[in-house]
Structure formats: structure tokens, C-alpha cells
């Protein structure tokens, strides 16, 4: 799978990014992959390449660029200890609002390439990246045709930066894949998010998977291959519908 390592100049520093492309010649529709709290690591790059194999140019930016050098972390080792103490300082440097602001530069980078098909792109986020995908799609409604969140947390809170507040601005089709018994996305929060999307007239679908928070991540202890395969099908179907990719 063809890949590139690029550096995108941001207002707050330089963002190292991974680009994965399908084999052959473009142009291809683009997707931005908003990472989880585990940071950039081999498993996340593999996920970008898996999506690229379905026919998309995938931009995977390191959203912890404000923090500086770190890791790479091995989630199975991190989760054996106080993962909040390890990952918390990095997570504090970003959030849905900052990721949405960063997306201005990500879109400019994609616009400067000559192998992107069309202006409207897709977004997908995992864990903390789920809210980032929704917030970014709301910040640039004319640029995003689809946004997917898998086991995203804190999607509808009282915070002024809560992703559900983006609902009135969304023009993208939205997919929400939730985990069972997820303390970061309890049923009341899911109801609040879905009500916001419904009231805003957003086309969306939401499913709760019989799996734990983080099930999509292949290097997490809770990785569920069967549920992950189902999630990948839902993701590919969403992007195929909205980004007009042939089967």
C-alpha cells in the first residue's frame, strides 16, 4: 500500500501526518482519520491503510503535535497501569474544538494535492476522535459528505465544545457506532446526541455494538474481531454511499 509521511504546518506547530493511498493511479476521494487517545502507532497506521485499500486517500494527522515527541505507546501495556496519568497530558492538548480548528490546515493540504477526487470528503474517528470527526464536519459543512464515530466518548455534554452542538451545521451523513456499557457514552448521552441530530434534520444512523469501548482498535485488549468487521462494513458502506465509490 503506497504511503507518505508529511508535515503539515499548523498555527500551533508542525503536525506530522501519515498518508495512505490505494494502489494504482488516482484521483481518489479523501478521508481524514481522527485518532484515538493511544496516539500514532503501527496499529493506527494499519487502519489507515486498510481504509485506503477500499479506494480512499486517507490522511492520518498526529493530533498530539502540540505536546511534542511521545511514545509510541503499546496500549496493552498502557492499560495495565494508570493510563489516565500517561495519556491525560497528551489528551489535554487537543479536543473537538481544537481538532476542528486544525482541520482548516488539513483541508488546505488535501486541496493542494492533485490526486484528490472532488471537494467533499469523509471523516472517521475512534474513541476521542469520534467527537473530533463530528465537530470538524460541523465546522466545515460544505466540505464533509460523511462523518463516522466509533466508540466515541463525550459526544453530548454540557461543555461549550460538545460535539452535539455541531448538529445544526452538519450537512454530512452521520454514523454513530456505540459500545455497550460505555461510561464515556451512556444511554442518556446517546439519546441527547440523537435528539440533536434528529431536530437538526441530519441524516444519521446509530447502532450499539455488543462490544466494549475500543473494540475497533486491533491493538487494544478489548478488540473484538467480529464486531470490528461489522464496523468496517458500516464505515465502507457510508463512504461508498456518500463519496460515490463503485463497489
C-alpha atoms as a PDB file:
ATOM      1  CA  UNK A   1       0.000   0.000   0.000  1.00  0.00           C
ATOM      2  CA  UNK A   2       1.569   3.338  -1.032  1.00  0.00           C
ATOM      3  CA  UNK A   3       2.174   5.636   1.948  1.00  0.00           C
ATOM      4  CA  UNK A   4       3.722   9.013   2.619  1.00  0.00           C
ATOM      5  CA  UNK A   5       4.921  10.798   5.736  1.00  0.00           C
ATOM      6  CA  UNK A   6       4.240  14.521   5.561  1.00  0.00           C
ATOM      7  CA  UNK A   7       4.438  17.518   7.868  1.00  0.00           C
ATOM      8  CA  UNK A   8       1.562  19.981   7.822  1.00  0.00           C
ATOM      9  CA  UNK A   9       2.277  23.478   9.113  1.00  0.00           C
ATOM     10  CA  UNK A  10      -0.340  24.455  11.707  1.00  0.00           C
ATOM     11  CA  UNK A  11      -0.976  27.640  13.673  1.00  0.00           C
ATOM     12  CA  UNK A  12       0.338  25.891  16.805  1.00  0.00           C
ATOM     13  CA  UNK A  13       3.253  23.964  15.311  1.00  0.00           C
ATOM     14  CA  UNK A  14       4.067  21.241  12.838  1.00  0.00           C
ATOM     15  CA  UNK A  15       1.734  18.257  12.575  1.00  0.00           C
ATOM     16  CA  UNK A  16       3.361  15.054  11.428  1.00  0.00           C
ATOM     17  CA  UNK A  17       0.891  13.068   9.361  1.00  0.00           C
ATOM     18  CA  UNK A  18       0.603   9.725   7.628  1.00  0.00           C
ATOM     19  CA  UNK A  19      -0.997   9.452   4.192  1.00  0.00           C
ATOM     20  CA  UNK A  20      -2.205   6.124   2.833  1.00  0.00           C
ATOM     21  CA  UNK A  21      -3.294   5.714  -0.792  1.00  0.00           C
ATOM     22  CA  UNK A  22      -4.853   2.942  -2.852  1.00  0.00           C
ATOM     23  CA  UNK A  23      -2.661   1.086  -5.278  1.00  0.00           C
ATOM     24  CA  UNK A  24      -2.687   2.415  -8.843  1.00  0.00           C
ATOM     25  CA  UNK A  25      -3.396   5.895 -10.100  1.00  0.00           C
ATOM     26  CA  UNK A  26      -5.789   8.433  -8.619  1.00  0.00           C
ATOM     27  CA  UNK A  27      -7.600  10.611  -8.167  1.00  0.00           C
ATOM     28  CA  UNK A  28      -9.371   9.235  -5.120  1.00  0.00           C
ATOM     29  CA  UNK A  29     -11.896  10.596  -2.629  1.00  0.00           C
ATOM     30  CA  UNK A  30     -10.251  11.639   0.613  1.00  0.00           C
ATOM     31  CA  UNK A  31     -10.971  10.698   4.216  1.00  0.00           C
ATOM     32  CA  UNK A  32      -9.488  12.240   7.362  1.00  0.00           C
ATOM     33  CA  UNK A  33      -8.954   9.719  10.166  1.00  0.00           C
ATOM     34  CA  UNK A  34      -9.149  11.297  13.630  1.00  0.00           C
ATOM     35  CA  UNK A  35      -7.071   9.192  16.002  1.00  0.00           C
ATOM     36  CA  UNK A  36      -7.819   7.734  19.409  1.00  0.00           C
ATOM     37  CA  UNK A  37      -6.018   8.651  22.632  1.00  0.00           C
ATOM     38  CA  UNK A  38      -3.408   5.954  22.070  1.00  0.00           C
ATOM     39  CA  UNK A  39      -1.589   8.232  19.648  1.00  0.00           C
ATOM     40  CA  UNK A  40       0.051   7.460  16.336  1.00  0.00           C
ATOM     41  CA  UNK A  41       1.366   3.892  16.286  1.00  0.00           C
ATOM     42  CA  UNK A  42       1.597   0.931  13.889  1.00  0.00           C
ATOM     43  CA  UNK A  43      -1.961  -0.282  14.515  1.00  0.00           C
ATOM     44  CA  UNK A  44      -3.439   3.110  13.658  1.00  0.00           C
ATOM     45  CA  UNK A  45      -1.362   3.387  10.504  1.00  0.00           C
ATOM     46  CA  UNK A  46      -2.550  -0.108   9.569  1.00  0.00           C
ATOM     47  CA  UNK A  47      -6.147   1.054   9.953  1.00  0.00           C
ATOM     48  CA  UNK A  48      -5.482   3.996   7.632  1.00  0.00           C
ATOM     49  CA  UNK A  49      -4.028   1.604   5.082  1.00  0.00           C
ATOM     50  CA  UNK A  50      -6.982  -0.757   5.458  1.00  0.00           C
ATOM     51  CA  UNK A  51      -9.324   2.101   4.588  1.00  0.00           C
ATOM     52  CA  UNK A  52      -7.083   3.158   1.712  1.00  0.00           C
ATOM     53  CA  UNK A  53      -7.385  -0.348   0.295  1.00  0.00           C
ATOM     54  CA  UNK A  54     -11.120   0.318  -0.079  1.00  0.00           C
ATOM     55  CA  UNK A  55     -10.379   3.159  -2.519  1.00  0.00           C
ATOM     56  CA  UNK A  56      -9.669   6.274  -0.463  1.00  0.00           C
ATOM     57  CA  UNK A  57      -6.733   8.568   0.152  1.00  0.00           C
ATOM     58  CA  UNK A  58      -6.534   8.665   3.944  1.00  0.00           C
ATOM     59  CA  UNK A  59      -4.946  11.468   5.937  1.00  0.00           C
ATOM     60  CA  UNK A  60      -3.991  10.438   9.479  1.00  0.00           C
ATOM     61  CA  UNK A  61      -2.711  13.516  11.361  1.00  0.00           C
ATOM     62  CA  UNK A  62      -0.968  13.340  14.733  1.00  0.00           C
ATOM     63  CA  UNK A  63      -3.345  15.431  16.822  1.00  0.00           C
ATOM     64  CA  UNK A  64      -0.930  15.382  19.759  1.00  0.00           C
ATOM     65  CA  UNK A  65       1.507  17.580  17.818  1.00  0.00           C
ATOM     66  CA  UNK A  66       1.143  20.381  20.364  1.00  0.00           C
ATOM     67  CA  UNK A  67       2.538  18.099  23.072  1.00  0.00           C
ATOM     68  CA  UNK A  68       5.770  17.260  21.308  1.00  0.00           C
ATOM     69  CA  UNK A  69       7.513  13.885  20.973  1.00  0.00           C
ATOM     70  CA  UNK A  70       5.907  10.892  22.687  1.00  0.00           C
ATOM     71  CA  UNK A  71       5.656   7.095  22.532  1.00  0.00           C
ATOM     72  CA  UNK A  72       4.784   5.244  20.522  1.00  0.00           C
ATOM     73  CA  UNK A  73       2.575   3.658  23.136  1.00  0.00           C
ATOM     74  CA  UNK A  74       1.636  -0.006  23.314  1.00  0.00           C
ATOM     75  CA  UNK A  75      -1.998   0.098  24.502  1.00  0.00           C
ATOM     76  CA  UNK A  76      -1.980  -3.343  26.089  1.00  0.00           C
ATOM     77  CA  UNK A  77       0.913  -2.177  28.287  1.00  0.00           C
ATOM     78  CA  UNK A  78      -0.538   1.280  28.949  1.00  0.00           C
ATOM     79  CA  UNK A  79      -3.856  -0.147  30.128  1.00  0.00           C
ATOM     80  CA  UNK A  80      -2.096  -2.325  32.699  1.00  0.00           C
ATOM     81  CA  UNK A  81      -1.294   0.794  34.713  1.00  0.00           C
ATOM     82  CA  UNK A  82      -2.744   4.245  35.263  1.00  0.00           C
ATOM     83  CA  UNK A  83      -3.484   5.029  31.628  1.00  0.00           C
ATOM     84  CA  UNK A  84      -5.038   8.385  32.531  1.00  0.00           C
ATOM     85  CA  UNK A  85      -1.761   9.530  34.066  1.00  0.00           C
ATOM     86  CA  UNK A  86       0.075   8.505  30.896  1.00  0.00           C
ATOM     87  CA  UNK A  87      -2.345   9.704  28.245  1.00  0.00           C
ATOM     88  CA  UNK A  88      -4.077  12.539  30.091  1.00  0.00           C
ATOM     89  CA  UNK A  89      -1.366  15.167  29.487  1.00  0.00           C
ATOM     90  CA  UNK A  90      -1.437  14.427  25.768  1.00  0.00           C
ATOM     91  CA  UNK A  91      -5.230  14.466  25.570  1.00  0.00           C
ATOM     92  CA  UNK A  92      -5.246  17.842  27.332  1.00  0.00           C
ATOM     93  CA  UNK A  93      -3.520  19.396  24.311  1.00  0.00           C
ATOM     94  CA  UNK A  94      -6.413  18.712  21.953  1.00  0.00           C
ATOM     95  CA  UNK A  95     -10.185  18.233  21.828  1.00  0.00           C
ATOM     96  CA  UNK A  96     -13.142  18.546  19.438  1.00  0.00           C
ATOM     97  CA  UNK A  97     -12.761  22.306  19.140  1.00  0.00           C
ATOM     98  CA  UNK A  98      -9.017  22.237  18.523  1.00  0.00           C
ATOM     99  CA  UNK A  99      -9.315  19.350  16.063  1.00  0.00           C
ATOM    100  CA  UNK A 100     -11.989  21.276  14.164  1.00  0.00           C
ATOM    101  CA  UNK A 101      -9.692  24.310  14.019  1.00  0.00           C
ATOM    102  CA  UNK A 102      -6.824  22.085  12.869  1.00  0.00           C
ATOM    103  CA  UNK A 103      -8.998  20.736  10.084  1.00  0.00           C
ATOM    104  CA  UNK A 104      -8.656  24.028   8.211  1.00  0.00           C
ATOM    105  CA  UNK A 105      -5.000  23.152   7.582  1.00  0.00           C
ATOM    106  CA  UNK A 106      -5.802  19.516   6.812  1.00  0.00           C
ATOM    107  CA  UNK A 107      -8.274  20.581   4.140  1.00  0.00           C
ATOM    108  CA  UNK A 108      -5.779  23.042   2.690  1.00  0.00           C
ATOM    109  CA  UNK A 109      -3.212  20.245   2.482  1.00  0.00           C
ATOM    110  CA  UNK A 110      -5.667  17.975   0.659  1.00  0.00           C
ATOM    111  CA  UNK A 111      -6.678  20.802  -1.677  1.00  0.00           C
ATOM    112  CA  UNK A 112      -3.053  21.251  -2.682  1.00  0.00           C
ATOM    113  CA  UNK A 113      -2.748  17.642  -3.834  1.00  0.00           C
ATOM    114  CA  UNK A 114      -3.536  16.674  -7.420  1.00  0.00           C
ATOM    115  CA  UNK A 115      -4.792  13.169  -6.630  1.00  0.00           C
ATOM    116  CA  UNK A 116      -7.992  14.027  -4.724  1.00  0.00           C
ATOM    117  CA  UNK A 117     -11.353  13.417  -6.400  1.00  0.00           C
ATOM    118  CA  UNK A 118     -13.879  16.119  -5.563  1.00  0.00           C
ATOM    119  CA  UNK A 119     -14.039  18.650  -2.735  1.00  0.00           C
ATOM    120  CA  UNK A 120     -16.339  16.769  -0.384  1.00  0.00           C
ATOM    121  CA  UNK A 121     -14.580  14.253   1.811  1.00  0.00           C
ATOM    122  CA  UNK A 122     -15.244  11.847   4.657  1.00  0.00           C
ATOM    123  CA  UNK A 123     -14.266  11.803   8.329  1.00  0.00           C
ATOM    124  CA  UNK A 124     -13.949   8.914  10.728  1.00  0.00           C
ATOM    125  CA  UNK A 125     -12.872   8.995  14.343  1.00  0.00           C
ATOM    126  CA  UNK A 126     -12.248   6.438  17.058  1.00  0.00           C
ATOM    127  CA  UNK A 127     -12.661   6.997  20.812  1.00  0.00           C
ATOM    128  CA  UNK A 128     -11.706  10.660  21.357  1.00  0.00           C
ATOM    129  CA  UNK A 129     -11.550  11.028  17.573  1.00  0.00           C
ATOM    130  CA  UNK A 130     -15.260  10.314  17.240  1.00  0.00           C
ATOM    131  CA  UNK A 131     -16.233  13.697  18.617  1.00  0.00           C
ATOM    132  CA  UNK A 132     -13.485  15.319  16.585  1.00  0.00           C
ATOM    133  CA  UNK A 133     -14.918  13.886  13.368  1.00  0.00           C
ATOM    134  CA  UNK A 134     -18.380  15.257  14.167  1.00  0.00           C
ATOM    135  CA  UNK A 135     -17.090  18.665  15.257  1.00  0.00           C
ATOM    136  CA  UNK A 136     -14.910  19.012  12.172  1.00  0.00           C
ATOM    137  CA  UNK A 137     -17.753  18.054   9.847  1.00  0.00           C
ATOM    138  CA  UNK A 138     -19.879  20.697  11.549  1.00  0.00           C
ATOM    139  CA  UNK A 139     -17.143  23.321  11.269  1.00  0.00           C
ATOM    140  CA  UNK A 140     -16.809  22.754   7.511  1.00  0.00           C
ATOM    141  CA  UNK A 141     -20.253  21.557   6.424  1.00  0.00           C
ATOM    142  CA  UNK A 142     -19.674  22.163   2.727  1.00  0.00           C
ATOM    143  CA  UNK A 143     -16.557  20.003   2.731  1.00  0.00           C
ATOM    144  CA  UNK A 144     -17.713  16.851   4.529  1.00  0.00           C
ATOM    145  CA  UNK A 145     -20.117  14.407   2.946  1.00  0.00           C
ATOM    146  CA  UNK A 146     -19.895  11.854   5.759  1.00  0.00           C
ATOM    147  CA  UNK A 147     -18.707  11.546   9.349  1.00  0.00           C
ATOM    148  CA  UNK A 148     -18.457   8.371  11.409  1.00  0.00           C
ATOM    149  CA  UNK A 149     -17.765   7.904  15.110  1.00  0.00           C
ATOM    150  CA  UNK A 150     -16.791   4.526  16.556  1.00  0.00           C
ATOM    151  CA  UNK A 151     -16.939   4.155  20.347  1.00  0.00           C
ATOM    152  CA  UNK A 152     -16.679   7.929  20.600  1.00  0.00           C
ATOM    153  CA  UNK A 153     -16.933   9.379  24.094  1.00  0.00           C
ATOM    154  CA  UNK A 154     -18.398  12.613  25.480  1.00  0.00           C
ATOM    155  CA  UNK A 155     -20.364  13.268  22.309  1.00  0.00           C
ATOM    156  CA  UNK A 156     -23.125  15.223  24.053  1.00  0.00           C
ATOM    157  CA  UNK A 157     -22.134  17.018  27.247  1.00  0.00           C
ATOM    158  CA  UNK A 158     -22.729  20.380  28.877  1.00  0.00           C
ATOM    159  CA  UNK A 159     -19.357  21.658  27.664  1.00  0.00           C
ATOM    160  CA  UNK A 160     -19.331  24.545  25.215  1.00  0.00           C
ATOM    161  CA  UNK A 161     -17.180  22.382  22.923  1.00  0.00           C
ATOM    162  CA  UNK A 162     -19.520  19.366  22.964  1.00  0.00           C
ATOM    163  CA  UNK A 163     -19.740  17.724  19.523  1.00  0.00           C
ATOM    164  CA  UNK A 164     -23.549  17.538  19.613  1.00  0.00           C
ATOM    165  CA  UNK A 165     -23.675  21.325  19.330  1.00  0.00           C
ATOM    166  CA  UNK A 166     -22.416  20.926  15.751  1.00  0.00           C
ATOM    167  CA  UNK A 167     -25.652  19.212  14.701  1.00  0.00           C
ATOM    168  CA  UNK A 168     -27.416  22.314  13.271  1.00  0.00           C
ATOM    169  CA  UNK A 169     -24.451  22.936  10.961  1.00  0.00           C
ATOM    170  CA  UNK A 170     -23.947  19.399   9.727  1.00  0.00           C
ATOM    171  CA  UNK A 171     -24.585  18.569   6.075  1.00  0.00           C
ATOM    172  CA  UNK A 172     -22.768  15.237   6.262  1.00  0.00           C
ATOM    173  CA  UNK A 173     -24.445  11.893   6.697  1.00  0.00           C
ATOM    174  CA  UNK A 174     -23.505  10.636  10.152  1.00  0.00           C
ATOM    175  CA  UNK A 175     -22.908   7.162  11.549  1.00  0.00           C
ATOM    176  CA  UNK A 176     -22.592   6.509  15.286  1.00  0.00           C
ATOM    177  CA  UNK A 177     -21.243   3.143  16.414  1.00  0.00           C
ATOM    178  CA  UNK A 178     -21.549   2.928  20.203  1.00  0.00           C
ATOM    179  CA  UNK A 179     -20.243   0.353  22.659  1.00  0.00           C
ATOM    180  CA  UNK A 180     -22.273  -1.403  25.314  1.00  0.00           C
ATOM    181  CA  UNK A 181     -21.842  -0.283  28.922  1.00  0.00           C
ATOM    182  CA  UNK A 182     -19.613   2.609  27.891  1.00  0.00           C
ATOM    183  CA  UNK A 183     -19.159   5.076  30.735  1.00  0.00           C
ATOM    184  CA  UNK A 184     -17.978   7.743  28.292  1.00  0.00           C
ATOM    185  CA  UNK A 185     -21.178   7.414  26.240  1.00  0.00           C
ATOM    186  CA  UNK A 186     -24.081   6.272  28.437  1.00  0.00           C
ATOM    187  CA  UNK A 187     -27.646   5.843  27.109  1.00  0.00           C
ATOM    188  CA  UNK A 188     -28.748   9.297  28.271  1.00  0.00           C
ATOM    189  CA  UNK A 189     -25.902  10.878  26.313  1.00  0.00           C
ATOM    190  CA  UNK A 190     -26.743   8.807  23.248  1.00  0.00           C
ATOM    191  CA  UNK A 191     -30.335   9.985  23.489  1.00  0.00           C
ATOM    192  CA  UNK A 192     -29.183  13.607  23.739  1.00  0.00           C
ATOM    193  CA  UNK A 193     -26.952  13.304  20.685  1.00  0.00           C
ATOM    194  CA  UNK A 194     -29.559  11.525  18.594  1.00  0.00           C
ATOM    195  CA  UNK A 195     -32.210  14.061  19.570  1.00  0.00           C
ATOM    196  CA  UNK A 196     -29.892  16.869  18.475  1.00  0.00           C
ATOM    197  CA  UNK A 197     -29.260  15.199  15.130  1.00  0.00           C
ATOM    198  CA  UNK A 198     -32.952  14.498  14.586  1.00  0.00           C
ATOM    199  CA  UNK A 199     -34.010  18.058  15.438  1.00  0.00           C
ATOM    200  CA  UNK A 200     -31.371  19.402  13.043  1.00  0.00           C
ATOM    201  CA  UNK A 201     -32.606  17.182  10.216  1.00  0.00           C
ATOM    202  CA  UNK A 202     -29.285  15.341   9.926  1.00  0.00           C
ATOM    203  CA  UNK A 203     -29.352  12.063   8.073  1.00  0.00           C
ATOM    204  CA  UNK A 204     -27.841   9.582  10.507  1.00  0.00           C
ATOM    205  CA  UNK A 205     -27.871   6.046  11.818  1.00  0.00           C
ATOM    206  CA  UNK A 206     -26.801   4.860  15.259  1.00  0.00           C
ATOM    207  CA  UNK A 207     -26.042   1.360  16.462  1.00  0.00           C
ATOM    208  CA  UNK A 208     -24.907  -0.109  19.751  1.00  0.00           C
ATOM    209  CA  UNK A 209     -22.452  -2.951  19.349  1.00  0.00           C
ATOM    210  CA  UNK A 210     -22.273  -5.862  21.802  1.00  0.00           C
ATOM    211  CA  UNK A 211     -18.656  -4.973  22.467  1.00  0.00           C
ATOM    212  CA  UNK A 212     -16.530  -2.876  24.829  1.00  0.00           C
ATOM    213  CA  UNK A 213     -15.315   0.684  24.333  1.00  0.00           C
ATOM    214  CA  UNK A 214     -12.358   0.479  21.954  1.00  0.00           C
ATOM    215  CA  UNK A 215     -13.437  -2.689  20.163  1.00  0.00           C
ATOM    216  CA  UNK A 216     -12.355  -1.424  16.739  1.00  0.00           C
ATOM    217  CA  UNK A 217      -8.711  -0.926  17.723  1.00  0.00           C
ATOM    218  CA  UNK A 218      -6.684  -4.031  16.811  1.00  0.00           C
ATOM    219  CA  UNK A 219      -4.047  -3.451  19.488  1.00  0.00           C
ATOM    220  CA  UNK A 220      -6.494  -2.870  22.370  1.00  0.00           C
ATOM    221  CA  UNK A 221      -7.098  -5.658  24.914  1.00  0.00           C
ATOM    222  CA  UNK A 222     -10.854  -5.364  24.205  1.00  0.00           C
ATOM    223  CA  UNK A 223     -10.517  -5.715  20.433  1.00  0.00           C
ATOM    224  CA  UNK A 224     -13.455  -7.728  19.089  1.00  0.00           C
ATOM    225  CA  UNK A 225     -12.720  -9.084  15.591  1.00  0.00           C
ATOM    226  CA  UNK A 226     -16.342  -9.909  14.759  1.00  0.00           C
ATOM    227  CA  UNK A 227     -17.675  -6.528  15.913  1.00  0.00           C
ATOM    228  CA  UNK A 228     -14.763  -4.763  14.208  1.00  0.00           C
ATOM    229  CA  UNK A 229     -15.553  -6.481  10.909  1.00  0.00           C
ATOM    230  CA  UNK A 230     -19.133  -5.262  11.235  1.00  0.00           C
ATOM    231  CA  UNK A 231     -17.894  -1.746  11.991  1.00  0.00           C
ATOM    232  CA  UNK A 232     -15.628  -1.735   8.949  1.00  0.00           C
ATOM    233  CA  UNK A 233     -18.558  -2.802   6.753  1.00  0.00           C
ATOM    234  CA  UNK A 234     -20.662   0.053   8.104  1.00  0.00           C
ATOM    235  CA  UNK A 235     -17.817   2.518   7.512  1.00  0.00           C
ATOM    236  CA  UNK A 236     -17.198   1.376   3.953  1.00  0.00           C
ATOM    237  CA  UNK A 237     -20.924   1.445   3.181  1.00  0.00           C
ATOM    238  CA  UNK A 238     -21.195   5.012   4.478  1.00  0.00           C
ATOM    239  CA  UNK A 239     -18.304   6.270   2.390  1.00  0.00           C
ATOM    240  CA  UNK A 240     -19.386   4.316  -0.674  1.00  0.00           C
ATOM    241  CA  UNK A 241     -22.845   5.930  -0.446  1.00  0.00           C
ATOM    242  CA  UNK A 242     -21.651   9.446   0.150  1.00  0.00           C
ATOM    243  CA  UNK A 243     -18.391   9.624  -1.736  1.00  0.00           C
ATOM    244  CA  UNK A 244     -19.684   7.739  -4.779  1.00  0.00           C
ATOM    245  CA  UNK A 245     -17.197   4.869  -4.832  1.00  0.00           C
ATOM    246  CA  UNK A 246     -18.008   1.930  -7.051  1.00  0.00           C
ATOM    247  CA  UNK A 247     -18.289  -1.471  -5.380  1.00  0.00           C
END
